[in-house]
Structures are given as C-alpha cells and as structure tokens.
Amino acid sequence: AKFGVMSIPMLVVIKDGNVANKAVGARPKEEIL
C-alpha cells in the first residue's frame, strides 16, 4: 500500500531512501537492468 502497488510484478529502485525508478509487469533482464 505504501508503494501504491496495484499490479504485480512491480519493480522499484530505491536510491538514498527515495524511489528512483519503477516498472510494472514482466520484463526481460536488459530492461530490468
């Protein structure tokens, strides 16, 4: 709920305690990187 997850999988990148990036749905490794 804190991250507003409505659909999974959801990937979130946290840098220095803040959300730097996020993506919803299955993705290939290159896109995740």
PDB file of all heavy atoms in Angstrom:
ATOM      1  N   ALA A   1       0.841  -1.206   0.000  1.00  0.00           N
ATOM      2  CA  ALA A   1       0.000   0.000   0.000  1.00  0.00           C
ATOM      3  C   ALA A   1       0.875   1.254   0.000  1.00  0.00           C
ATOM      4  O   ALA A   1       0.583   2.218  -0.715  1.00  0.00           O
ATOM      5  CB  ALA A   1      -0.920  -0.004   1.220  1.00  0.00           C
ATOM      6  N   LYS A   2       1.949   1.219   0.759  1.00  0.00           N
ATOM      7  CA  LYS A   2       2.858   2.368   0.842  1.00  0.00           C
ATOM      8  C   LYS A   2       3.417   2.734  -0.540  1.00  0.00           C
ATOM      9  O   LYS A   2       3.611   3.901  -0.849  1.00  0.00           O
ATOM     10  CB  LYS A   2       4.004   2.045   1.801  1.00  0.00           C
ATOM     11  CG  LYS A   2       5.010   3.152   1.963  1.00  0.00           C
ATOM     12  CD  LYS A   2       6.074   2.783   2.976  1.00  0.00           C
ATOM     13  CE  LYS A   2       7.081   3.920   3.092  1.00  0.00           C
ATOM     14  NZ  LYS A   2       7.980   3.751   4.205  1.00  0.00           N
ATOM     15  N   PHE A   3       3.665   1.714  -1.366  1.00  0.00           N
ATOM     16  CA  PHE A   3       4.207   1.938  -2.699  1.00  0.00           C
ATOM     17  C   PHE A   3       3.121   1.995  -3.777  1.00  0.00           C
ATOM     18  O   PHE A   3       3.431   2.086  -4.952  1.00  0.00           O
ATOM     19  CB  PHE A   3       5.243   0.856  -3.043  1.00  0.00           C
ATOM     20  CG  PHE A   3       6.563   1.098  -2.383  1.00  0.00           C
ATOM     21  CD1 PHE A   3       6.823   0.588  -1.120  1.00  0.00           C
ATOM     22  CD2 PHE A   3       7.538   1.859  -2.995  1.00  0.00           C
ATOM     23  CE1 PHE A   3       8.025   0.813  -0.487  1.00  0.00           C
ATOM     24  CE2 PHE A   3       8.747   2.097  -2.376  1.00  0.00           C
ATOM     25  CZ  PHE A   3       8.988   1.579  -1.121  1.00  0.00           C
ATOM     26  N   GLY A   4       1.862   1.929  -3.383  1.00  0.00           N
ATOM     27  CA  GLY A   4       0.765   2.021  -4.337  1.00  0.00           C
ATOM     28  C   GLY A   4       0.739   0.885  -5.340  1.00  0.00           C
ATOM     29  O   GLY A   4       0.426   1.088  -6.514  1.00  0.00           O
ATOM     30  N   VAL A   5       1.067  -0.309  -4.882  1.00  0.00           N
ATOM     31  CA  VAL A   5       1.092  -1.460  -5.781  1.00  0.00           C
ATOM     32  C   VAL A   5      -0.331  -1.835  -6.178  1.00  0.00           C
ATOM     33  O   VAL A   5      -1.138  -2.200  -5.333  1.00  0.00           O
ATOM     34  CB  VAL A   5       1.802  -2.671  -5.118  1.00  0.00           C
ATOM     35  CG1 VAL A   5       1.761  -3.880  -6.035  1.00  0.00           C
ATOM     36  CG2 VAL A   5       3.222  -2.317  -4.743  1.00  0.00           C
ATOM     37  N   MET A   6      -0.625  -1.709  -7.463  1.00  0.00           N
ATOM     38  CA  MET A   6      -1.947  -2.061  -7.991  1.00  0.00           C
ATOM     39  C   MET A   6      -1.867  -3.313  -8.855  1.00  0.00           C
ATOM     40  O   MET A   6      -2.858  -3.998  -9.063  1.00  0.00           O
ATOM     41  CB  MET A   6      -2.516  -0.917  -8.841  1.00  0.00           C
ATOM     42  CG  MET A   6      -2.770   0.337  -8.060  1.00  0.00           C
ATOM     43  SD  MET A   6      -4.004   0.027  -6.815  1.00  0.00           S
ATOM     44  CE  MET A   6      -4.560   1.655  -6.460  1.00  0.00           C
ATOM     45  N   SER A   7      -0.691  -3.556  -9.405  1.00  0.00           N
ATOM     46  CA  SER A   7      -0.488  -4.658 -10.328  1.00  0.00           C
ATOM     47  C   SER A   7       0.914  -5.221 -10.086  1.00  0.00           C
ATOM     48  O   SER A   7       1.840  -4.464  -9.798  1.00  0.00           O
ATOM     49  CB  SER A   7      -0.626  -4.121 -11.756  1.00  0.00           C
ATOM     50  OG  SER A   7      -0.601  -5.158 -12.683  1.00  0.00           O
ATOM     51  N   ILE A   8       1.050  -6.528 -10.193  1.00  0.00           N
ATOM     52  CA  ILE A   8       2.354  -7.146  -9.976  1.00  0.00           C
ATOM     53  C   ILE A   8       2.722  -8.019 -11.168  1.00  0.00           C
ATOM     54  O   ILE A   8       1.834  -8.429 -11.910  1.00  0.00           O
ATOM     55  CB  ILE A   8       2.383  -7.968  -8.658  1.00  0.00           C
ATOM     56  CG1 ILE A   8       1.232  -8.958  -8.622  1.00  0.00           C
ATOM     57  CG2 ILE A   8       2.408  -7.073  -7.460  1.00  0.00           C
ATOM     58  CD1 ILE A   8       1.259  -9.916  -7.448  1.00  0.00           C
ATOM     59  N   PRO A   9       3.983  -8.308 -11.402  1.00  0.00           N
ATOM     60  CA  PRO A   9       5.117  -7.849 -10.612  1.00  0.00           C
ATOM     61  C   PRO A   9       5.353  -6.346 -10.785  1.00  0.00           C
ATOM     62  O   PRO A   9       5.123  -5.796 -11.846  1.00  0.00           O
ATOM     63  CB  PRO A   9       6.296  -8.648 -11.176  1.00  0.00           C
ATOM     64  CG  PRO A   9       5.904  -8.961 -12.581  1.00  0.00           C
ATOM     65  CD  PRO A   9       4.410  -9.114 -12.553  1.00  0.00           C
ATOM     66  N   MET A  10       5.789  -5.724  -9.703  1.00  0.00           N
ATOM     67  CA  MET A  10       6.191  -4.318  -9.764  1.00  0.00           C
ATOM     68  C   MET A  10       7.608  -4.232  -9.227  1.00  0.00           C
ATOM     69  O   MET A  10       7.896  -4.741  -8.154  1.00  0.00           O
ATOM     70  CB  MET A  10       5.264  -3.435  -8.940  1.00  0.00           C
ATOM     71  CG  MET A  10       5.617  -1.958  -9.052  1.00  0.00           C
ATOM     72  SD  MET A  10       4.309  -0.899  -8.383  1.00  0.00           S
ATOM     73  CE  MET A  10       5.199  -0.136  -7.040  1.00  0.00           C
ATOM     74  N   LEU A  11       8.472  -3.603 -10.007  1.00  0.00           N
ATOM     75  CA  LEU A  11       9.862  -3.429  -9.610  1.00  0.00           C
ATOM     76  C   LEU A  11      10.077  -1.974  -9.245  1.00  0.00           C
ATOM     77  O   LEU A  11       9.643  -1.082  -9.966  1.00  0.00           O
ATOM     78  CB  LEU A  11      10.795  -3.821 -10.759  1.00  0.00           C
ATOM     79  CG  LEU A  11      10.635  -5.252 -11.269  1.00  0.00           C
ATOM     80  CD1 LEU A  11      11.488  -5.472 -12.509  1.00  0.00           C
ATOM     81  CD2 LEU A  11      10.998  -6.252 -10.194  1.00  0.00           C
ATOM     82  N   VAL A  12      10.737  -1.737  -8.122  1.00  0.00           N
ATOM     83  CA  VAL A  12      11.011  -0.379  -7.651  1.00  0.00           C
ATOM     84  C   VAL A  12      12.492  -0.278  -7.324  1.00  0.00           C
ATOM     85  O   VAL A  12      13.045  -1.158  -6.666  1.00  0.00           O
ATOM     86  CB  VAL A  12      10.167  -0.045  -6.398  1.00  0.00           C
ATOM     87  CG1 VAL A  12      10.501   1.342  -5.871  1.00  0.00           C
ATOM     88  CG2 VAL A  12       8.683  -0.157  -6.691  1.00  0.00           C
ATOM     89  N   VAL A  13      13.114   0.800  -7.795  1.00  0.00           N
ATOM     90  CA  VAL A  13      14.515   1.061  -7.459  1.00  0.00           C
ATOM     91  C   VAL A  13      14.543   2.196  -6.444  1.00  0.00           C
ATOM     92  O   VAL A  13      13.974   3.263  -6.676  1.00  0.00           O
ATOM     93  CB  VAL A  13      15.340   1.446  -8.710  1.00  0.00           C
ATOM     94  CG1 VAL A  13      16.776   1.781  -8.318  1.00  0.00           C
ATOM     95  CG2 VAL A  13      15.310   0.322  -9.731  1.00  0.00           C
ATOM     96  N   ILE A  14      15.183   1.945  -5.307  1.00  0.00           N
ATOM     97  CA  ILE A  14      15.315   2.944  -4.239  1.00  0.00           C
ATOM     98  C   ILE A  14      16.773   3.383  -4.181  1.00  0.00           C
ATOM     99  O   ILE A  14      17.668   2.543  -4.070  1.00  0.00           O
ATOM    100  CB  ILE A  14      14.918   2.350  -2.863  1.00  0.00           C
ATOM    101  CG1 ILE A  14      13.542   1.711  -2.899  1.00  0.00           C
ATOM    102  CG2 ILE A  14      15.044   3.412  -1.766  1.00  0.00           C
ATOM    103  CD1 ILE A  14      12.386   2.636  -2.829  1.00  0.00           C
ATOM    104  N   LYS A  15      17.000   4.686  -4.273  1.00  0.00           N
ATOM    105  CA  LYS A  15      18.353   5.239  -4.112  1.00  0.00           C
ATOM    106  C   LYS A  15      18.290   6.310  -3.041  1.00  0.00           C
ATOM    107  O   LYS A  15      17.438   7.192  -3.099  1.00  0.00           O
ATOM    108  CB  LYS A  15      18.854   5.841  -5.423  1.00  0.00           C
ATOM    109  CG  LYS A  15      19.131   4.809  -6.494  1.00  0.00           C
ATOM    110  CD  LYS A  15      19.692   5.419  -7.756  1.00  0.00           C
ATOM    111  CE  LYS A  15      19.901   4.347  -8.797  1.00  0.00           C
ATOM    112  NZ  LYS A  15      20.278   4.899 -10.100  1.00  0.00           N
ATOM    113  N   ASP A  16      19.171   6.213  -2.068  1.00  0.00           N
ATOM    114  CA  ASP A  16      19.221   7.176  -0.957  1.00  0.00           C
ATOM    115  C   ASP A  16      17.858   7.343  -0.275  1.00  0.00           C
ATOM    116  O   ASP A  16      17.455   8.444   0.065  1.00  0.00           O
ATOM    117  CB  ASP A  16      19.735   8.536  -1.445  1.00  0.00           C
ATOM    118  CG  ASP A  16      21.123   8.432  -2.061  1.00  0.00           C
ATOM    119  OD1 ASP A  16      21.959   7.704  -1.485  1.00  0.00           O
ATOM    120  OD2 ASP A  16      21.362   9.058  -3.102  1.00  0.00           O
ATOM    121  N   GLY A  17      17.128   6.224  -0.127  1.00  0.00           N
ATOM    122  CA  GLY A  17      15.851   6.243   0.582  1.00  0.00           C
ATOM    123  C   GLY A  17      14.674   6.741  -0.222  1.00  0.00           C
ATOM    124  O   GLY A  17      13.562   6.819   0.284  1.00  0.00           O
ATOM    125  N   ASN A  18      14.898   7.076  -1.517  1.00  0.00           N
ATOM    126  CA  ASN A  18      13.806   7.585  -2.356  1.00  0.00           C
ATOM    127  C   ASN A  18      13.594   6.714  -3.587  1.00  0.00           C
ATOM    128  O   ASN A  18      14.535   6.099  -4.084  1.00  0.00           O
ATOM    129  CB  ASN A  18      14.128   9.016  -2.828  1.00  0.00           C
ATOM    130  CG  ASN A  18      14.246   9.966  -1.666  1.00  0.00           C
ATOM    131  OD1 ASN A  18      13.348  10.061  -0.849  1.00  0.00           O
ATOM    132  ND2 ASN A  18      15.375  10.650  -1.578  1.00  0.00           N
ATOM    133  N   VAL A  19      12.357   6.699  -4.096  1.00  0.00           N
ATOM    134  CA  VAL A  19      12.055   5.948  -5.311  1.00  0.00           C
ATOM    135  C   VAL A  19      12.743   6.644  -6.485  1.00  0.00           C
ATOM    136  O   VAL A  19      12.499   7.817  -6.758  1.00  0.00           O
ATOM    137  CB  VAL A  19      10.530   5.869  -5.559  1.00  0.00           C
ATOM    138  CG1 VAL A  19      10.246   5.202  -6.897  1.00  0.00           C
ATOM    139  CG2 VAL A  19       9.842   5.116  -4.431  1.00  0.00           C
ATOM    140  N   ALA A  20      13.623   5.910  -7.170  1.00  0.00           N
ATOM    141  CA  ALA A  20      14.358   6.462  -8.306  1.00  0.00           C
ATOM    142  C   ALA A  20      13.745   6.009  -9.623  1.00  0.00           C
ATOM    143  O   ALA A  20      13.853   6.686 -10.643  1.00  0.00           O
ATOM    144  CB  ALA A  20      15.810   6.048  -8.244  1.00  0.00           C
ATOM    145  N   ASN A  21      13.071   4.852  -9.598  1.00  0.00           N
ATOM    146  CA  ASN A  21      12.507   4.293 -10.820  1.00  0.00           C
ATOM    147  C   ASN A  21      11.526   3.195 -10.450  1.00  0.00           C
ATOM    148  O   ASN A  21      11.653   2.583  -9.394  1.00  0.00           O
ATOM    149  CB  ASN A  21      13.639   3.702 -11.671  1.00  0.00           C
ATOM    150  CG  ASN A  21      13.429   3.928 -13.144  1.00  0.00           C
ATOM    151  OD1 ASN A  21      12.303   4.099 -13.594  1.00  0.00           O
ATOM    152  ND2 ASN A  21      14.514   3.926 -13.897  1.00  0.00           N
ATOM    153  N   LYS A  22      10.567   2.948 -11.338  1.00  0.00           N
ATOM    154  CA  LYS A  22       9.698   1.785 -11.125  1.00  0.00           C
ATOM    155  C   LYS A  22       9.092   1.326 -12.437  1.00  0.00           C
ATOM    156  O   LYS A  22       8.997   2.090 -13.386  1.00  0.00           O
ATOM    157  CB  LYS A  22       8.648   2.033 -10.067  1.00  0.00           C
ATOM    158  CG  LYS A  22       7.586   3.029 -10.347  1.00  0.00           C
ATOM    159  CD  LYS A  22       6.619   2.989  -9.156  1.00  0.00           C
ATOM    160  CE  LYS A  22       5.793   4.229  -9.047  1.00  0.00           C
ATOM    161  NZ  LYS A  22       4.913   4.181  -7.885  1.00  0.00           N
ATOM    162  N   ALA A  23       8.709   0.062 -12.451  1.00  0.00           N
ATOM    163  CA  ALA A  23       8.119  -0.532 -13.639  1.00  0.00           C
ATOM    164  C   ALA A  23       7.145  -1.621 -13.205  1.00  0.00           C
ATOM    165  O   ALA A  23       7.370  -2.305 -12.216  1.00  0.00           O
ATOM    166  CB  ALA A  23       9.203  -1.134 -14.515  1.00  0.00           C
ATOM    167  N   VAL A  24       6.060  -1.757 -13.958  1.00  0.00           N
ATOM    168  CA  VAL A  24       5.054  -2.766 -13.662  1.00  0.00           C
ATOM    169  C   VAL A  24       5.010  -3.769 -14.805  1.00  0.00           C
ATOM    170  O   VAL A  24       5.067  -3.394 -15.969  1.00  0.00           O
ATOM    171  CB  VAL A  24       3.660  -2.113 -13.475  1.00  0.00           C
ATOM    172  CG1 VAL A  24       2.594  -3.174 -13.256  1.00  0.00           C
ATOM    173  CG2 VAL A  24       3.686  -1.138 -12.316  1.00  0.00           C
ATOM    174  N   GLY A  25       4.912  -5.037 -14.453  1.00  0.00           N
ATOM    175  CA  GLY A  25       4.801  -6.090 -15.459  1.00  0.00           C
ATOM    176  C   GLY A  25       6.108  -6.838 -15.653  1.00  0.00           C
ATOM    177  O   GLY A  25       7.171  -6.362 -15.278  1.00  0.00           O
ATOM    178  N   ALA A  26       5.997  -8.020 -16.246  1.00  0.00           N
ATOM    179  CA  ALA A  26       7.178  -8.843 -16.510  1.00  0.00           C
ATOM    180  C   ALA A  26       8.028  -8.159 -17.575  1.00  0.00           C
ATOM    181  O   ALA A  26       7.496  -7.607 -18.538  1.00  0.00           O
ATOM    182  CB  ALA A  26       6.750 -10.229 -16.974  1.00  0.00           C
ATOM    183  N   ARG A  27       9.329  -8.184 -17.377  1.00  0.00           N
ATOM    184  CA  ARG A  27      10.274  -7.552 -18.300  1.00  0.00           C
ATOM    185  C   ARG A  27      11.485  -8.445 -18.484  1.00  0.00           C
ATOM    186  O   ARG A  27      11.852  -9.188 -17.585  1.00  0.00           O
ATOM    187  CB  ARG A  27      10.763  -6.217 -17.731  1.00  0.00           C
ATOM    188  CG  ARG A  27       9.644  -5.266 -17.472  1.00  0.00           C
ATOM    189  CD  ARG A  27      10.136  -3.906 -17.038  1.00  0.00           C
ATOM    190  NE  ARG A  27       8.997  -3.033 -16.822  1.00  0.00           N
ATOM    191  CZ  ARG A  27       8.311  -2.447 -17.790  1.00  0.00           C
ATOM    192  NH1 ARG A  27       8.626  -2.643 -19.033  1.00  0.00           N
ATOM    193  NH2 ARG A  27       7.291  -1.670 -17.519  1.00  0.00           N
ATOM    194  N   PRO A  28      12.144  -8.315 -19.650  1.00  0.00           N
ATOM    195  CA  PRO A  28      13.385  -9.066 -19.837  1.00  0.00           C
ATOM    196  C   PRO A  28      14.505  -8.461 -18.974  1.00  0.00           C
ATOM    197  O   PRO A  28      14.403  -7.318 -18.530  1.00  0.00           O
ATOM    198  CB  PRO A  28      13.690  -8.902 -21.328  1.00  0.00           C
ATOM    199  CG  PRO A  28      12.919  -7.714 -21.778  1.00  0.00           C
ATOM    200  CD  PRO A  28      11.742  -7.573 -20.842  1.00  0.00           C
ATOM    201  N   LYS A  29      15.540  -9.225 -18.779  1.00  0.00           N
ATOM    202  CA  LYS A  29      16.648  -8.819 -17.912  1.00  0.00           C
ATOM    203  C   LYS A  29      17.235  -7.460 -18.314  1.00  0.00           C
ATOM    204  O   LYS A  29      17.500  -6.626 -17.455  1.00  0.00           O
ATOM    205  CB  LYS A  29      17.733  -9.903 -17.949  1.00  0.00           C
ATOM    206  CG  LYS A  29      18.877  -9.639 -16.997  1.00  0.00           C
ATOM    207  CD  LYS A  29      19.843 -10.799 -17.027  1.00  0.00           C
ATOM    208  CE  LYS A  29      21.008 -10.568 -16.091  1.00  0.00           C
ATOM    209  NZ  LYS A  29      21.945 -11.695 -16.133  1.00  0.00           N
ATOM    210  N   GLU A  30      17.405  -7.227 -19.616  1.00  0.00           N
ATOM    211  CA  GLU A  30      18.004  -5.971 -20.090  1.00  0.00           C
ATOM    212  C   GLU A  30      17.186  -4.771 -19.603  1.00  0.00           C
ATOM    213  O   GLU A  30      17.740  -3.762 -19.179  1.00  0.00           O
ATOM    214  CB  GLU A  30      18.080  -5.928 -21.623  1.00  0.00           C
ATOM    215  CG  GLU A  30      18.898  -7.037 -22.257  1.00  0.00           C
ATOM    216  CD  GLU A  30      18.209  -8.396 -22.235  1.00  0.00           C
ATOM    217  OE1 GLU A  30      16.989  -8.492 -22.500  1.00  0.00           O
ATOM    218  OE2 GLU A  30      18.905  -9.384 -21.908  1.00  0.00           O
ATOM    219  N   GLU A  31      15.869  -4.864 -19.682  1.00  0.00           N
ATOM    220  CA  GLU A  31      15.005  -3.767 -19.263  1.00  0.00           C
ATOM    221  C   GLU A  31      15.060  -3.558 -17.752  1.00  0.00           C
ATOM    222  O   GLU A  31      14.996  -2.422 -17.273  1.00  0.00           O
ATOM    223  CB  GLU A  31      13.563  -3.997 -19.709  1.00  0.00           C
ATOM    224  CG  GLU A  31      13.340  -3.726 -21.178  1.00  0.00           C
ATOM    225  CD  GLU A  31      11.881  -3.842 -21.582  1.00  0.00           C
ATOM    226  OE1 GLU A  31      10.986  -3.530 -20.776  1.00  0.00           O
ATOM    227  OE2 GLU A  31      11.639  -4.291 -22.721  1.00  0.00           O
ATOM    228  N   ILE A  32      15.170  -4.644 -17.007  1.00  0.00           N
ATOM    229  CA  ILE A  32      15.279  -4.531 -15.549  1.00  0.00           C
ATOM    230  C   ILE A  32      16.597  -3.826 -15.190  1.00  0.00           C
ATOM    231  O   ILE A  32      16.620  -2.939 -14.349  1.00  0.00           O
ATOM    232  CB  ILE A  32      15.170  -5.924 -14.872  1.00  0.00           C
ATOM    233  CG1 ILE A  32      13.768  -6.490 -15.097  1.00  0.00           C
ATOM    234  CG2 ILE A  32      15.487  -5.819 -13.372  1.00  0.00           C
ATOM    235  CD1 ILE A  32      13.590  -7.930 -14.671  1.00  0.00           C
ATOM    236  N   LEU A  33      17.667  -4.208 -15.868  1.00  0.00           N
ATOM    237  CA  LEU A  33      18.970  -3.594 -15.606  1.00  0.00           C
ATOM    238  C   LEU A  33      18.961  -2.103 -15.951  1.00  0.00           C
ATOM    239  O   LEU A  33      19.606  -1.298 -15.284  1.00  0.00           O
ATOM    240  CB  LEU A  33      20.076  -4.323 -16.376  1.00  0.00           C
ATOM    241  CG  LEU A  33      20.396  -5.735 -15.866  1.00  0.00           C
ATOM    242  CD1 LEU A  33      21.361  -6.432 -16.801  1.00  0.00           C
ATOM    243  CD2 LEU A  33      20.944  -5.695 -14.459  1.00  0.00           C
TER     244      LEU A  33
END
